[in-house]
Amino acid sequence: MFEWLESFKEIKNKIEFYQFQLEESKAELKRWVDGDLQKIKLESESLSSNLEENIKRYTKELEIIKDRRDKLTNLIKGFEDLDSQILVMKYIEKKSLFEISEDLGYSYQHIREKHSRLVQAIKLADKISMDDLSEI
């Protein structure tokens, strides 16, 4: 149920991971080039010897994953059913339920109840999936 939402969250987490790795690697490289480690001899086998390659790899991975996110976002925004629209606006566009109700032309109460049922359905689907896995 709503596998696209799970895929979107997974992609978002990967982007955050690679951004963190990239920032950490850049900070470490700066220490070796301009900082407190510049006078220390770097051994070819050390983890820090691969910093520049890691930065290139993390940058490339970020480009690929962001491209996947953009393609998935474009696909998702084409969904026309009300359930998907609510989920897109709430979790991708980060709108409040009030804003969603205004944008879609429904009462706030209707959108709030619909969203609540969707969240319950997603939790139930996740629980059923986890129960299925525990039987394996």
Foldseek 3Di string as FASTA:
>chain_A
DPVLVVVLVVLVVLLVVLVVVLVVLVVLVCCCVPHDNVVPDDDCPDPNVCSVVSNVVSVVVNVVSVVVNVVSLVVLVPDDDPLSQLCCCCPVVVDDLCVSCVVVVHDSVVSVVSVVVSVVVVVVVVVVVVVVVVVD
